[in-house]
């Protein structure tokens, strides 16, 4: 995993600090150059997961953010590391850093300098070095030197990630004009380009406010508030725009055993429940514990790049359950997928979804997610869960067998 993350660093460094910058770990720069910046590699230069500024408060803030929504041991490690950095251990313990140099007299043309111009103030940045995924891209936490988070920036690196960054800009624009109830959404601060790729800057939500518990009822209510955007009820599945779009996406999938198996599964869903009426509304698309924080003023939710309208109501709640089991609870992926499908009736009951409709909604969600993974080529990108045939499709088929035994009246 560490090699993958070092590869990620090698890939993104020229995008953050384009030539004539030089970037190296532990080096002091070639003759005729001078250092213009440095970053801590945390937890170590050999196994980096975070780039953090060297300032005590800013480094501590970046590490605290990295623990959001993760399992308990990860949160504890982040808290301990953040405390050490705030106490001033960064310059003592982490001596092998990422060094940024420029030829003497050259003007800085870094992305961070550009973002400072966009925000009209001095900024420093932190960045998570993620595991392999098709949608992996630089996501920068922008802070002032005192460690206050000002904004977040996303930079596309290829056609897929450019599309996702553009989709998030469009989503934030649409959400600014919508009633999201207690769900609080970042503001779009900048939508532009950098080095030929899409660049988005959005406001930082106040995650520093005291947290409150987020019970199942409140979570479901928030899902319902998002789903209420453009919601329509009693739409027959087979005549819905959602079903048509899913079919078109399936038709565009690259050839392969998993794609053919998925098409067969979706055909079975259509034969068993194509005449069933469903409710459709907006969906965040990546509704997870690490993309939200419950505070006194409502539920802060970010990362809207997968936002869509006209999705079966309840899809976000199913995604939250599945991702919580996979990431926060470290559950076995096949068991987590099966639990999400077979437990859908109880999970979606607070949204007023009937039990049989809940099963159908979970199957559509699973098919939709599998289609996304195959479209994005997550397996080819080396994503941990990229092989949907070994964990997601078995759960889908198991649920379809139950669906086919239902009597719809």
Protein backbone atom coordinates (compact mmCIF):
# COMPACT_ATOMS: atom_id res chain seq x y z
CA UNK A 1 0.00 0.00 0.00
CA UNK A 2 2.82 2.38 0.79
CA UNK A 3 4.25 1.97 -2.73
CA UNK A 4 0.84 2.83 -4.19
CA UNK A 5 0.66 5.99 -2.13
CA UNK A 6 4.20 7.00 -3.06
CA UNK A 7 3.20 6.48 -6.68
CA UNK A 8 0.24 8.76 -6.07
CA UNK A 9 2.60 11.39 -4.69
CA UNK A 10 4.87 11.06 -7.73
CA UNK A 11 1.86 11.48 -10.02
CA UNK A 12 0.31 14.52 -8.36
CA UNK A 13 3.47 16.47 -7.42
CA UNK A 14 4.06 17.83 -10.97
CA UNK A 15 0.43 18.95 -11.07
CA UNK A 16 0.72 20.83 -7.78
CA UNK A 17 4.19 22.21 -8.49
CA UNK A 18 4.73 22.28 -12.27
CA UNK A 19 8.13 22.93 -13.86
CA UNK A 20 10.45 24.63 -13.20
CA UNK A 21 9.65 23.43 -9.66
CA UNK A 22 11.53 20.35 -8.52
CA UNK A 23 10.05 18.07 -5.89
CA UNK A 24 11.98 15.46 -3.91
CA UNK A 25 11.82 13.68 -0.59
CA UNK A 26 14.61 14.61 1.77
CA UNK A 27 16.67 16.42 -0.90
CA UNK A 28 17.95 19.97 -0.56
CA UNK A 29 17.68 20.85 -4.24
CA UNK A 30 20.07 20.97 -7.17
CA UNK A 31 22.70 23.66 -7.68
CA UNK A 32 21.17 26.97 -8.70
CA UNK A 33 17.86 26.27 -6.97
CA UNK A 34 16.47 27.37 -3.64
CA UNK A 35 13.80 25.86 -1.38
CA UNK A 36 10.38 27.50 -1.61
CA UNK A 37 8.37 25.08 0.52
CA UNK A 38 8.34 21.84 2.44
CA UNK A 39 5.75 19.41 3.72
CA UNK A 40 5.65 16.75 6.38
CA UNK A 41 5.10 13.20 5.12
CA UNK A 42 2.90 11.48 7.68
CA UNK A 43 3.11 9.08 9.37
CA UNK A 44 6.53 8.62 7.68
CA UNK A 45 8.39 9.33 4.46
CA UNK A 46 8.39 5.60 3.61
CA UNK A 47 4.71 5.11 4.31
CA UNK A 48 3.07 8.47 3.59
CA UNK A 49 -0.67 8.91 3.86
CA UNK A 50 -0.77 12.67 4.35
CA UNK A 51 1.03 15.77 3.15
CA UNK A 52 0.88 18.36 5.89
CA UNK A 53 2.31 21.88 6.26
CA UNK A 54 5.12 22.28 8.74
CA UNK A 55 3.31 24.81 10.94
CA UNK A 56 2.19 23.23 14.20
CA UNK A 57 -1.47 24.25 14.15
CA UNK A 58 -1.96 23.73 10.43
CA UNK A 59 -0.34 20.27 10.54
CA UNK A 60 -2.48 19.29 13.52
CA UNK A 61 -5.65 20.44 11.74
CA UNK A 62 -4.82 18.37 8.64
CA UNK A 63 -4.28 15.23 10.72
CA UNK A 64 -7.47 15.75 12.74
CA UNK A 65 -9.44 16.02 9.51
CA UNK A 66 -7.94 12.76 8.24
CA UNK A 67 -9.55 10.85 11.11
CA UNK A 68 -13.10 11.99 10.31
CA UNK A 69 -15.58 9.12 9.94
CA UNK A 70 -12.98 6.34 10.16
CA UNK A 71 -12.98 3.34 12.46
CA UNK A 72 -12.13 3.86 16.13
CA UNK A 73 -8.46 2.87 15.96
CA UNK A 74 -7.84 5.25 13.03
CA UNK A 75 -9.53 8.12 14.89
CA UNK A 76 -7.40 7.44 17.97
CA UNK A 77 -4.17 7.38 15.97
CA UNK A 78 -5.12 10.64 14.25
CA UNK A 79 -5.91 12.30 17.57
CA UNK A 80 -2.57 11.24 19.11
CA UNK A 81 -0.61 12.34 16.05
CA UNK A 82 -2.45 15.67 15.90
CA UNK A 83 -1.66 16.34 19.55
CA UNK A 84 2.03 15.63 18.98
CA UNK A 85 2.20 17.95 16.00
CA UNK A 86 0.45 20.73 17.87
CA UNK A 87 3.01 20.30 20.67
CA UNK A 88 5.81 20.98 18.16
CA UNK A 89 7.10 17.48 17.44
CA UNK A 90 6.83 17.91 13.67
CA UNK A 91 10.18 19.61 13.18
CA UNK A 92 11.90 17.29 15.65
CA UNK A 93 10.56 13.87 14.64
CA UNK A 94 9.76 14.23 10.91
CA UNK A 95 13.05 15.49 9.49
CA UNK A 96 12.74 13.76 6.10
CA UNK A 97 10.24 15.94 4.31
CA UNK A 98 8.96 16.75 0.85
CA UNK A 99 11.12 19.61 -0.43
CA UNK A 100 9.94 22.04 -3.12
CA UNK A 101 12.64 24.02 -4.95
CA UNK A 102 12.79 26.61 -7.74
CA UNK A 103 15.64 28.03 -9.81
CA UNK A 104 16.89 31.19 -8.15
CA UNK A 105 14.88 34.19 -9.27
CA UNK A 106 12.04 32.15 -10.81
CA UNK A 107 8.48 33.10 -9.93
CA UNK A 108 6.37 30.55 -8.11
CA UNK A 109 3.63 29.07 -10.28
CA UNK A 110 2.32 26.46 -7.88
CA UNK A 111 -1.30 25.45 -7.46
CA UNK A 112 -1.19 26.62 -3.84
CA UNK A 113 -0.08 30.09 -4.98
CA UNK A 114 -2.90 30.11 -7.53
CA UNK A 115 -5.42 29.12 -4.88
CA UNK A 116 -4.15 31.91 -2.65
CA UNK A 117 -4.97 34.30 -5.48
CA UNK A 118 -8.42 32.73 -5.87
CA UNK A 119 -9.14 33.18 -2.15
CA UNK A 120 -7.27 36.49 -1.96
CA UNK A 121 -5.23 35.47 1.07
CA UNK A 122 -2.22 33.42 2.09
CA UNK A 123 -2.97 29.72 2.23
CA UNK A 124 -1.18 26.50 3.09
CA UNK A 125 -2.44 23.09 2.14
CA UNK A 126 -2.75 19.52 3.30
CA UNK A 127 -3.58 16.49 1.17
CA UNK A 128 -4.55 12.87 1.77
CA UNK A 129 -2.62 10.34 -0.31
CA UNK A 130 -5.27 7.80 -1.14
CA UNK A 131 -5.17 4.14 -2.14
CA UNK A 132 -5.61 3.17 -5.80
CA UNK A 133 -9.02 4.11 -7.22
CA UNK A 134 -10.12 5.13 -10.67
CA UNK A 135 -11.48 8.40 -9.25
CA UNK A 136 -8.37 9.24 -7.20
CA UNK A 137 -7.43 12.91 -7.55
CA UNK A 138 -5.89 15.71 -5.46
CA UNK A 139 -8.28 16.97 -2.78
CA UNK A 140 -6.62 19.82 -0.92
CA UNK A 141 -7.49 21.14 2.51
CA UNK A 142 -6.73 24.88 2.37
CA UNK A 143 -5.81 26.55 5.64
CA UNK A 144 -4.44 29.83 6.83
CA UNK A 145 -1.04 29.70 8.58
CA UNK A 146 -2.79 29.68 11.97
CA UNK A 147 -4.46 26.36 11.13
CA UNK A 148 -7.99 27.57 10.38
CA UNK A 149 -9.51 25.64 7.48
CA UNK A 150 -10.70 28.06 4.81
CA UNK A 151 -11.83 25.90 1.90
CA UNK A 152 -11.30 22.68 -0.01
CA UNK A 153 -10.10 22.32 -3.58
CA UNK A 154 -10.46 19.43 -6.02
CA UNK A 155 -8.39 19.01 -9.16
CA UNK A 156 -9.20 16.63 -11.99
CA UNK A 157 -6.37 14.62 -13.50
CA UNK A 158 -8.08 12.76 -16.36
CA UNK A 159 -11.41 12.51 -18.18
CA UNK A 160 -13.20 10.68 -15.34
CA UNK A 161 -12.03 12.96 -12.53
CA UNK A 162 -12.53 16.10 -14.63
CA UNK A 163 -16.12 14.95 -15.12
CA UNK A 164 -16.62 14.35 -11.40
CA UNK A 165 -15.20 17.76 -10.47
CA UNK A 166 -17.49 19.37 -13.03
CA UNK A 167 -20.47 17.41 -11.72
CA UNK A 168 -19.78 18.63 -8.19
CA UNK A 169 -19.63 22.25 -9.34
CA UNK A 170 -23.00 21.79 -11.04
CA UNK A 171 -24.41 20.05 -7.96
CA UNK A 172 -23.33 22.83 -5.58
CA UNK A 173 -24.87 25.40 -7.91
CA UNK A 174 -28.17 23.49 -8.00
CA UNK A 175 -28.19 22.86 -4.25
CA UNK A 176 -27.63 26.54 -3.50
CA UNK A 177 -31.02 27.20 -5.08
CA UNK A 178 -32.78 24.26 -3.41
CA UNK A 179 -34.27 23.73 0.03
CA UNK A 180 -32.10 21.13 1.74
CA UNK A 181 -33.72 21.49 5.15
CA UNK A 182 -31.33 20.68 7.98
CA UNK A 183 -28.66 19.46 5.54
CA UNK A 184 -25.98 22.11 5.13
CA UNK A 185 -24.01 22.18 1.89
CA UNK A 186 -20.70 23.89 0.97
CA UNK A 187 -20.81 27.00 -1.18
CA UNK A 188 -19.14 27.01 -4.58
CA UNK A 189 -16.28 29.53 -4.41
CA UNK A 190 -14.51 28.88 -7.70
CA UNK A 191 -15.08 26.78 -10.80
CA UNK A 192 -12.17 26.95 -13.21
CA UNK A 193 -9.20 25.08 -14.63
CA UNK A 194 -5.55 24.46 -13.77
CA UNK A 195 -3.02 23.00 -16.20
CA UNK A 196 -5.88 22.00 -18.50
CA UNK A 197 -7.97 20.20 -15.86
CA UNK A 198 -11.07 21.10 -13.88
CA UNK A 199 -10.48 22.92 -10.59
CA UNK A 200 -13.15 23.42 -7.95
CA UNK A 201 -12.93 25.39 -4.70
CA UNK A 202 -15.70 25.11 -2.13
CA UNK A 203 -16.24 26.61 1.29
CA UNK A 204 -15.27 24.75 4.45
CA UNK A 205 -18.26 23.71 6.52
CA UNK A 206 -17.89 24.38 10.29
CA UNK A 207 -16.81 20.87 11.30
CA UNK A 208 -15.04 22.36 14.31
CA UNK A 209 -18.40 22.96 16.02
CA UNK A 210 -19.31 20.56 18.85
CA UNK A 211 -20.65 17.29 17.51
CA UNK A 212 -23.94 15.73 18.48
CA UNK A 213 -24.97 12.08 18.14
CA UNK A 214 -26.53 11.17 14.82
CA UNK A 215 -29.19 8.55 15.47
CA UNK A 216 -30.82 6.41 12.80
CA UNK A 217 -33.98 8.51 12.76
CA UNK A 218 -32.12 11.78 12.20
CA UNK A 219 -29.99 10.20 9.49
CA UNK A 220 -33.08 8.91 7.68
CA UNK A 221 -34.77 12.31 8.02
CA UNK A 222 -31.77 14.00 6.41
CA UNK A 223 -31.84 11.50 3.54
CA UNK A 224 -35.52 12.33 3.12
CA UNK A 225 -34.78 16.06 2.97
CA UNK A 226 -32.32 15.57 0.11
CA UNK A 227 -34.66 13.13 -1.65
CA UNK A 228 -37.44 15.73 -1.47
CA UNK A 229 -35.61 17.78 -4.12
CA UNK A 230 -37.61 17.06 -7.26
CA UNK A 231 -39.33 14.08 -5.63
CA UNK A 232 -42.02 12.25 -7.58
CA UNK A 233 -44.06 9.32 -6.24
CA UNK A 234 -45.80 6.30 -7.77
CA UNK A 235 -43.69 6.12 -10.93
CA UNK A 236 -43.68 2.65 -12.49
CA UNK A 237 -40.10 1.38 -12.54
CA UNK A 238 -40.03 0.24 -16.17
CA UNK A 239 -41.33 3.61 -17.42
CA UNK A 240 -39.04 5.74 -15.26
CA UNK A 241 -36.14 7.83 -16.51
CA UNK A 242 -33.97 6.09 -13.92
CA UNK A 243 -34.60 2.65 -15.43
CA UNK A 244 -33.93 3.93 -18.93
CA UNK A 245 -30.67 5.59 -17.84
CA UNK A 246 -29.54 2.44 -16.01
CA UNK A 247 -30.11 0.43 -19.18
CA UNK A 248 -28.10 2.91 -21.23
CA UNK A 249 -25.23 2.77 -18.75
CA UNK A 250 -25.28 -1.03 -18.84
CA UNK A 251 -25.15 -0.97 -22.64
CA UNK A 252 -22.01 1.18 -22.51
CA UNK A 253 -20.13 -1.09 -20.11
CA UNK A 254 -16.87 -2.59 -21.36
CA UNK A 255 -17.21 -6.25 -22.31
CA UNK A 256 -16.49 -8.79 -19.63
CA UNK A 257 -17.96 -11.53 -17.48
CA UNK A 258 -18.99 -9.17 -14.69
CA UNK A 259 -20.77 -6.81 -17.08
CA UNK A 260 -22.67 -9.66 -18.73
CA UNK A 261 -23.65 -11.09 -15.35
CA UNK A 262 -24.85 -7.67 -14.21
CA UNK A 263 -26.96 -7.19 -17.35
CA UNK A 264 -28.60 -10.55 -16.74
CA UNK A 265 -29.34 -9.61 -13.13
CA UNK A 266 -30.91 -6.31 -14.10
CA UNK A 267 -33.06 -8.08 -16.71
CA UNK A 268 -34.33 -10.35 -13.95
CA UNK A 269 -35.21 -7.32 -11.81
CA UNK A 270 -37.17 -5.85 -14.71
CA UNK A 271 -39.13 -9.05 -15.31
CA UNK A 272 -39.93 -9.49 -11.62
CA UNK A 273 -40.73 -5.89 -10.66
CA UNK A 274 -40.85 -3.69 -13.75
CA UNK A 275 -44.50 -2.82 -13.05
CA UNK A 276 -43.88 -1.77 -9.44
CA UNK A 277 -44.35 1.95 -8.62
CA UNK A 278 -41.50 3.68 -6.78
CA UNK A 279 -40.66 7.10 -5.40
CA UNK A 280 -37.75 8.96 -6.99
CA UNK A 281 -35.84 11.98 -5.72
CA UNK A 282 -32.39 13.51 -5.38
CA UNK A 283 -29.44 11.54 -4.04
CA UNK A 284 -26.07 12.65 -2.67
CA UNK A 285 -24.51 9.53 -4.17
CA UNK A 286 -21.73 9.02 -1.59
CA UNK A 287 -23.59 9.40 1.70
CA UNK A 288 -20.99 8.14 4.20
CA UNK A 289 -19.88 8.92 7.78
CA UNK A 290 -16.69 10.59 6.50
CA UNK A 291 -18.63 12.97 4.28
CA UNK A 292 -20.78 14.42 7.05
CA UNK A 293 -20.80 15.79 10.59
CA UNK A 294 -23.79 16.34 12.87
CA UNK A 295 -23.66 19.66 14.75
CA UNK A 296 -26.20 21.78 16.56
CA UNK A 297 -27.07 23.70 13.40
CA UNK A 298 -27.85 20.63 11.31
CA UNK A 299 -26.06 17.94 9.34
CA UNK A 300 -22.98 19.15 7.47
CA UNK A 301 -22.56 17.17 4.25
CA UNK A 302 -19.81 17.54 1.66
CA UNK A 303 -18.41 15.68 -1.38
CA UNK A 304 -21.38 16.06 -3.76
CA UNK A 305 -19.65 14.92 -6.94
CA UNK A 306 -21.99 11.90 -7.32
CA UNK A 307 -25.17 13.98 -6.81
CA UNK A 308 -28.07 12.92 -9.03
CA UNK A 309 -31.78 13.53 -9.29
CA UNK A 310 -34.56 10.98 -9.97
CA UNK A 311 -32.94 8.14 -7.98
CA UNK A 312 -35.02 5.63 -5.94
CA UNK A 313 -35.69 7.16 -2.52
CA UNK A 314 -33.57 5.43 0.11
CA UNK A 315 -30.46 4.82 -2.01
CA UNK A 316 -28.37 7.16 0.15
CA UNK A 317 -29.37 5.34 3.32
CA UNK A 318 -28.38 2.02 1.77
CA UNK A 319 -25.01 3.45 0.70
CA UNK A 320 -24.38 4.75 4.22
CA UNK A 321 -25.08 1.31 5.68
CA UNK A 322 -22.84 -0.49 3.19
CA UNK A 323 -19.91 1.92 3.44
CA UNK A 324 -20.14 2.03 7.25
CA UNK A 325 -19.88 -1.75 7.35
CA UNK A 326 -17.03 -1.85 4.83
CA UNK A 327 -14.88 1.02 6.13
CA UNK A 328 -15.82 1.98 9.68
CA UNK A 329 -16.61 -1.57 10.90
CA UNK A 330 -14.18 -3.37 8.56
CA UNK A 331 -16.77 -6.04 7.79
CA UNK A 332 -16.17 -8.75 5.21
CA UNK A 333 -17.30 -7.24 1.84
CA UNK A 334 -19.62 -10.10 0.71
CA UNK A 335 -21.27 -10.15 4.13
CA UNK A 336 -21.63 -6.35 4.14
CA UNK A 337 -23.24 -6.35 0.68
CA UNK A 338 -25.64 -9.16 1.58
CA UNK A 339 -26.54 -7.47 4.86
CA UNK A 340 -27.39 -4.24 3.06
CA UNK A 341 -29.67 -6.00 0.56
CA UNK A 342 -31.40 -8.36 2.98
CA UNK A 343 -31.69 -5.73 5.72
CA UNK A 344 -33.15 -3.05 3.44
CA UNK A 345 -36.76 -3.47 4.57
CA UNK A 346 -35.97 -2.47 8.16
CA UNK A 347 -33.41 0.15 7.15
CA UNK A 348 -35.77 2.02 4.81
CA UNK A 349 -38.89 1.76 7.01
CA UNK A 350 -38.29 5.24 8.57
CA UNK A 351 -38.63 6.69 5.05
CA UNK A 352 -42.06 5.11 4.67
CA UNK A 353 -40.80 2.52 2.17
CA UNK A 354 -42.79 -0.72 2.22
CA UNK A 355 -40.76 -3.88 2.95
CA UNK A 356 -41.02 -5.39 -0.54
CA UNK A 357 -40.27 -2.02 -2.10
CA UNK A 358 -37.28 -1.75 0.22
CA UNK A 359 -35.84 -4.98 -1.17
CA UNK A 360 -36.36 -3.73 -4.73
CA UNK A 361 -34.71 -0.39 -3.87
CA UNK A 362 -31.69 -2.22 -2.43
CA UNK A 363 -31.35 -4.32 -5.58
CA UNK A 364 -31.49 -1.24 -7.79
CA UNK A 365 -28.93 0.47 -5.58
CA UNK A 366 -26.60 -2.56 -5.76
CA UNK A 367 -26.95 -2.77 -9.55
CA UNK A 368 -26.34 0.97 -9.82
CA UNK A 369 -23.20 0.76 -7.66
CA UNK A 370 -21.86 -2.21 -9.61
CA UNK A 371 -22.47 -0.30 -12.84
CA UNK A 372 -20.52 2.65 -11.45
CA UNK A 373 -17.56 0.47 -10.47
CA UNK A 374 -17.46 -1.22 -13.88
CA UNK A 375 -17.89 2.06 -15.77
CA UNK A 376 -15.06 3.68 -13.81
CA UNK A 377 -12.87 0.58 -14.29
CA UNK A 378 -12.11 0.36 -10.59
CA UNK A 379 -10.72 -3.16 -10.93
CA UNK A 380 -8.20 -2.05 -13.55
CA UNK A 381 -7.23 0.89 -11.32
CA UNK A 382 -6.38 -1.52 -8.48
CA UNK A 383 -9.22 -0.51 -6.15
CA UNK A 384 -9.65 -2.80 -3.16
CA UNK A 385 -13.32 -3.43 -4.00
CA UNK A 386 -12.96 -3.16 -7.75
CA UNK A 387 -13.86 -6.81 -8.43
CA UNK A 388 -17.63 -6.56 -7.98
CA UNK A 389 -18.06 -10.16 -9.10
CA UNK A 390 -16.71 -11.51 -5.81
CA UNK A 391 -18.64 -9.36 -3.33
CA UNK A 392 -21.41 -7.19 -4.78
CA UNK A 393 -22.93 -9.31 -7.55
CA UNK A 394 -23.44 -12.39 -5.30
CA UNK A 395 -25.50 -10.25 -2.91
CA UNK A 396 -27.45 -8.86 -5.85
CA UNK A 397 -28.28 -12.34 -7.14
CA UNK A 398 -29.28 -13.54 -3.67
CA UNK A 399 -31.68 -10.63 -3.29
CA UNK A 400 -33.12 -11.12 -6.78
CA UNK A 401 -33.99 -14.71 -5.88
CA UNK A 402 -36.06 -13.34 -3.00
CA UNK A 403 -37.60 -10.69 -5.23
CA UNK A 404 -38.70 -13.27 -7.76
CA UNK A 405 -40.55 -15.09 -4.99
CA UNK A 406 -42.58 -12.00 -4.07
CA UNK A 407 -46.17 -11.48 -5.16
CA UNK A 408 -46.76 -7.87 -6.20
CA UNK A 409 -50.36 -6.75 -5.93
